[in-house]
Amino acid sequence: MGISDRKEREKQEMRKLIINAAMEMFVKDGYEKTSIRNIAEKIEYSPATIYLYYKDKDELFYEIQREAFDQLHAYFEANVLSSDPVERLRELLKAYIEYGIANPDLYDLMFILRSPMKAVQDNDYWENCHNAYQFLHDTVGAAKDQLRFADPANAGMILWSLGHGIISLTIRGRMKVTRLSEGEQADLVQEALQELMQIIQK
C-alpha cells in the first residue's frame, strides 16, 4: 500500500470515528446539546481535527443523516422481496414503518429535527436520502398500472405521508390517545396499511 492509499484510509477511518461518536451523542443528548467540542472530547481529538473534515455541526449532522438513510435503504433491500408490484409496494410501506418505529432516535434525526436542513438550502435538493427515495419511486413506478393515480409520484407521496404519520404518532407517544395496548396499536397499523393498499388499487 502506497503513502497516498494509507493517508486516504486514515482519513476514512477518522471520518467514521467522528460520525459514530456524533451519531451516538445526537441520539443520546439531542442536536442542540451536542457540540463539535463535545464530539472532539469523546474521540479524544481537538475540535480543530473535526473541522478538517466538516465545516460545522450542520454538515456533520447531514452526513449522519446519510448514514441513517443508507441503513433504511439496506432495510428496504432486505425486506422488500416480492416480485408482485403491488405486494412489493405493501412490503415497502411495512418495512418503512417497522424501521422508523424500531429506530425512533434515528428517525428523529432523519425526518423530524429541522436543523440539518440548513445544509441543503443552497441547491434545494436533499441528496443524502436519494437511494431510499429512489427505491420508493421505482417501486411505485413498477405498480403504476395497478394504481388509481395518473402520476405515480402522487401515490408515492401518499404512501410516504401515511408511513411518516404512523411512525411519528407512535415514536412520540401520541398513539396512546387511542387507549389501545401496544399490540392493539400494531394491529391497527397493519389494518390501516391494508385498507390503504385497497384504496389506491384500481
Protein backbone atom coordinates (compact mmCIF):
# COMPACT_ATOMS: atom_id res chain seq x y z
CA MET A 1 0.00 0.00 0.00
CA GLY A 2 1.39 3.38 -1.03
CA ILE A 3 1.55 6.52 1.09
CA SER A 4 -1.43 8.14 -0.65
CA ASP A 5 -3.53 5.00 -0.18
CA ARG A 6 -2.62 4.84 3.50
CA LYS A 7 -3.49 8.51 4.02
CA GLU A 8 -6.85 8.04 2.32
CA ARG A 9 -7.60 5.04 4.50
CA GLU A 10 -6.66 7.02 7.61
CA LYS A 11 -8.98 9.85 6.52
CA GLN A 12 -11.87 7.43 6.05
CA GLU A 13 -11.19 5.87 9.44
CA MET A 14 -11.20 9.31 11.07
CA ARG A 15 -14.46 10.23 9.34
CA LYS A 16 -16.01 7.00 10.59
CA LEU A 17 -14.77 7.68 14.12
CA ILE A 18 -16.27 11.18 14.07
CA ILE A 19 -19.58 10.03 12.57
CA ASN A 20 -20.02 7.16 15.03
CA ALA A 21 -19.32 9.38 18.02
CA ALA A 22 -21.52 12.19 16.74
CA MET A 23 -24.40 9.86 15.92
CA GLU A 24 -24.29 8.39 19.42
CA MET A 25 -24.28 11.85 21.00
CA PHE A 26 -27.00 13.30 18.76
CA VAL A 27 -29.23 10.33 19.57
CA LYS A 28 -28.48 10.38 23.31
CA ASP A 29 -28.27 14.12 24.02
CA GLY A 30 -30.07 15.71 21.07
CA TYR A 31 -28.87 18.07 18.38
CA GLU A 32 -28.90 21.29 20.41
CA LYS A 33 -26.95 19.87 23.35
CA THR A 34 -24.23 18.32 21.20
CA SER A 35 -21.32 20.47 20.09
CA ILE A 36 -18.22 19.95 18.00
CA ARG A 37 -16.20 20.36 21.20
CA ASN A 38 -18.22 17.60 22.93
CA ILE A 39 -17.67 15.26 19.99
CA ALA A 40 -13.95 16.05 19.93
CA GLU A 41 -13.66 15.27 23.63
CA LYS A 42 -15.41 11.94 23.12
CA ILE A 43 -12.97 10.80 20.42
CA GLU A 44 -10.03 12.40 22.27
CA TYR A 45 -9.03 14.78 19.50
CA SER A 46 -9.10 18.56 19.27
CA PRO A 47 -12.09 20.38 17.73
CA ALA A 48 -9.71 21.57 15.01
CA THR A 49 -9.36 17.97 13.83
CA ILE A 50 -13.11 17.68 13.24
CA TYR A 51 -13.14 20.99 11.38
CA LEU A 52 -10.66 19.48 8.92
CA TYR A 53 -13.48 17.17 7.82
CA TYR A 54 -16.68 19.15 8.45
CA LYS A 55 -17.15 22.90 8.28
CA ASP A 56 -19.79 22.96 11.04
CA LYS A 57 -22.23 20.87 13.06
CA ASP A 58 -24.92 21.05 10.38
CA GLU A 59 -22.64 19.50 7.78
CA LEU A 60 -21.70 16.74 10.19
CA PHE A 61 -25.35 16.16 11.04
CA TYR A 62 -26.16 15.95 7.34
CA GLU A 63 -23.52 13.25 6.93
CA ILE A 64 -25.03 11.33 9.84
CA GLN A 65 -28.40 11.54 8.13
CA ARG A 66 -26.78 9.95 5.08
CA GLU A 67 -25.62 7.03 7.23
CA ALA A 68 -29.13 6.59 8.63
CA PHE A 69 -30.70 6.69 5.16
CA ASP A 70 -28.19 4.12 3.95
CA GLN A 71 -29.37 1.87 6.79
CA LEU A 72 -33.00 2.46 5.76
CA HIS A 73 -32.19 1.64 2.14
CA ALA A 74 -30.45 -1.57 3.23
CA TYR A 75 -33.53 -2.48 5.29
CA PHE A 76 -35.69 -2.00 2.21
CA GLU A 77 -33.46 -4.24 0.14
CA ALA A 78 -33.52 -6.96 2.80
CA ASN A 79 -37.28 -6.90 3.39
CA VAL A 80 -38.95 -5.85 0.12
CA LEU A 81 -38.65 -9.08 -1.84
CA SER A 82 -41.91 -9.84 -3.63
CA SER A 83 -41.95 -9.99 -7.43
CA ASP A 84 -45.57 -8.81 -7.48
CA PRO A 85 -45.57 -4.98 -7.90
CA VAL A 86 -48.47 -4.22 -5.54
CA GLU A 87 -47.34 -6.68 -2.88
CA ARG A 88 -43.86 -5.22 -3.17
CA LEU A 89 -45.35 -1.78 -2.50
CA ARG A 90 -47.13 -3.10 0.59
CA GLU A 91 -43.87 -4.67 1.80
CA LEU A 92 -42.09 -1.36 1.30
CA LEU A 93 -44.57 0.61 3.39
CA LYS A 94 -44.49 -2.08 6.08
CA ALA A 95 -40.66 -2.03 6.11
CA TYR A 96 -40.60 1.76 6.36
CA ILE A 97 -42.97 1.76 9.35
CA GLU A 98 -41.05 -1.07 11.03
CA TYR A 99 -37.71 0.68 10.60
CA GLY A 100 -38.99 4.01 11.90
CA ILE A 101 -40.66 2.54 14.99
CA ALA A 102 -37.65 0.32 15.75
CA ASN A 103 -35.22 3.26 15.39
CA PRO A 104 -37.05 6.26 16.89
CA ASP A 105 -33.96 8.34 17.64
CA LEU A 106 -32.50 7.86 14.17
CA TYR A 107 -35.91 8.62 12.66
CA ASP A 108 -35.95 11.89 14.55
CA LEU A 109 -32.56 12.75 13.03
CA MET A 110 -33.73 11.80 9.55
CA PHE A 111 -37.18 13.35 9.32
CA ILE A 112 -38.25 15.40 12.31
CA LEU A 113 -35.45 17.65 13.52
CA ARG A 114 -35.19 20.81 11.46
CA SER A 115 -31.57 21.81 11.93
CA PRO A 116 -29.71 19.72 9.32
CA MET A 117 -31.91 21.00 6.51
CA LYS A 118 -29.80 24.18 6.55
CA ALA A 119 -27.22 22.11 4.70
CA VAL A 120 -29.44 21.80 1.60
CA GLN A 121 -30.69 25.36 1.26
CA ASP A 122 -28.19 26.26 -1.45
CA ASN A 123 -29.36 23.69 -4.01
CA ASP A 124 -32.83 22.76 -2.70
CA TYR A 125 -32.09 19.05 -3.12
CA TRP A 126 -31.91 16.61 -0.22
CA GLU A 127 -29.26 14.40 -1.78
CA ASN A 128 -28.40 12.19 1.19
CA CYS A 129 -31.75 10.34 1.11
CA HIS A 130 -31.58 9.69 -2.65
CA ASN A 131 -31.21 5.89 -2.59
CA ALA A 132 -34.06 5.33 -0.14
CA TYR A 133 -36.37 7.70 -2.01
CA GLN A 134 -35.40 6.19 -5.37
CA PHE A 135 -36.37 2.79 -4.00
CA LEU A 136 -39.83 4.18 -3.22
CA HIS A 137 -40.05 5.91 -6.61
CA ASP A 138 -39.09 2.76 -8.52
CA THR A 139 -41.41 0.52 -6.50
CA VAL A 140 -44.39 2.81 -7.07
CA GLY A 141 -43.49 3.16 -10.74
CA ALA A 142 -43.48 -0.60 -11.23
CA ALA A 143 -47.02 -0.82 -9.80
CA LYS A 144 -48.43 2.28 -11.54
CA ASP A 145 -50.69 0.36 -13.96
CA GLN A 146 -52.49 -1.16 -10.97
CA LEU A 147 -52.94 2.07 -9.02
CA ARG A 148 -55.64 4.76 -9.12
CA PHE A 149 -53.18 7.55 -9.92
CA ALA A 150 -52.24 9.17 -13.21
CA ASP A 151 -48.98 10.30 -11.63
CA PRO A 152 -47.06 7.66 -9.62
CA ALA A 153 -45.38 10.47 -7.66
CA ASN A 154 -48.75 11.23 -6.07
CA ALA A 155 -49.15 7.63 -4.93
CA GLY A 156 -45.62 7.66 -3.55
CA MET A 157 -46.24 10.85 -1.60
CA ILE A 158 -49.47 9.49 -0.12
CA LEU A 159 -47.78 6.26 0.97
CA TRP A 160 -44.80 8.13 2.38
CA SER A 161 -47.09 10.54 4.25
CA LEU A 162 -49.12 7.72 5.77
CA GLY A 163 -45.99 5.90 6.88
CA HIS A 164 -44.47 9.07 8.30
CA GLY A 165 -47.66 9.89 10.18
CA ILE A 166 -47.91 6.45 11.76
CA ILE A 167 -44.24 6.45 12.75
CA SER A 168 -44.35 9.98 14.17
CA LEU A 169 -47.50 9.32 16.20
CA THR A 170 -46.01 6.12 17.57
CA ILE A 171 -42.50 7.26 18.49
CA ARG A 172 -43.78 10.45 20.10
CA GLY A 173 -46.31 8.54 22.20
CA ARG A 174 -49.35 10.09 20.52
CA MET A 175 -50.92 6.72 19.73
CA LYS A 176 -51.71 6.46 23.45
CA VAL A 177 -54.75 8.65 22.79
CA THR A 178 -56.40 5.53 21.35
CA ARG A 179 -56.15 3.79 24.74
CA LEU A 180 -55.08 0.65 22.92
CA SER A 181 -52.30 -1.64 24.08
CA GLU A 182 -49.07 -1.73 22.08
CA GLY A 183 -50.19 -4.97 20.46
CA GLU A 184 -53.56 -3.49 19.55
CA GLN A 185 -51.86 -0.40 18.15
CA ALA A 186 -49.66 -2.62 15.99
CA ASP A 187 -52.75 -4.46 14.72
CA LEU A 188 -54.42 -1.12 13.96
CA VAL A 189 -51.38 -0.01 11.94
CA GLN A 190 -51.48 -3.21 9.87
CA GLU A 191 -55.21 -2.81 9.26
CA ALA A 192 -54.68 0.79 8.13
CA LEU A 193 -51.92 -0.36 5.80
CA GLN A 194 -54.16 -3.00 4.24
CA GLU A 195 -57.05 -0.54 3.86
CA LEU A 196 -54.81 1.99 2.14
CA MET A 197 -53.47 -0.60 -0.28
CA GLN A 198 -57.05 -1.50 -1.25
CA ILE A 199 -57.99 2.16 -1.69
CA ILE A 200 -55.12 3.05 -4.01
CA GLN A 201 -55.54 -0.01 -6.27
CA LYS A 202 -57.76 0.03 -9.34
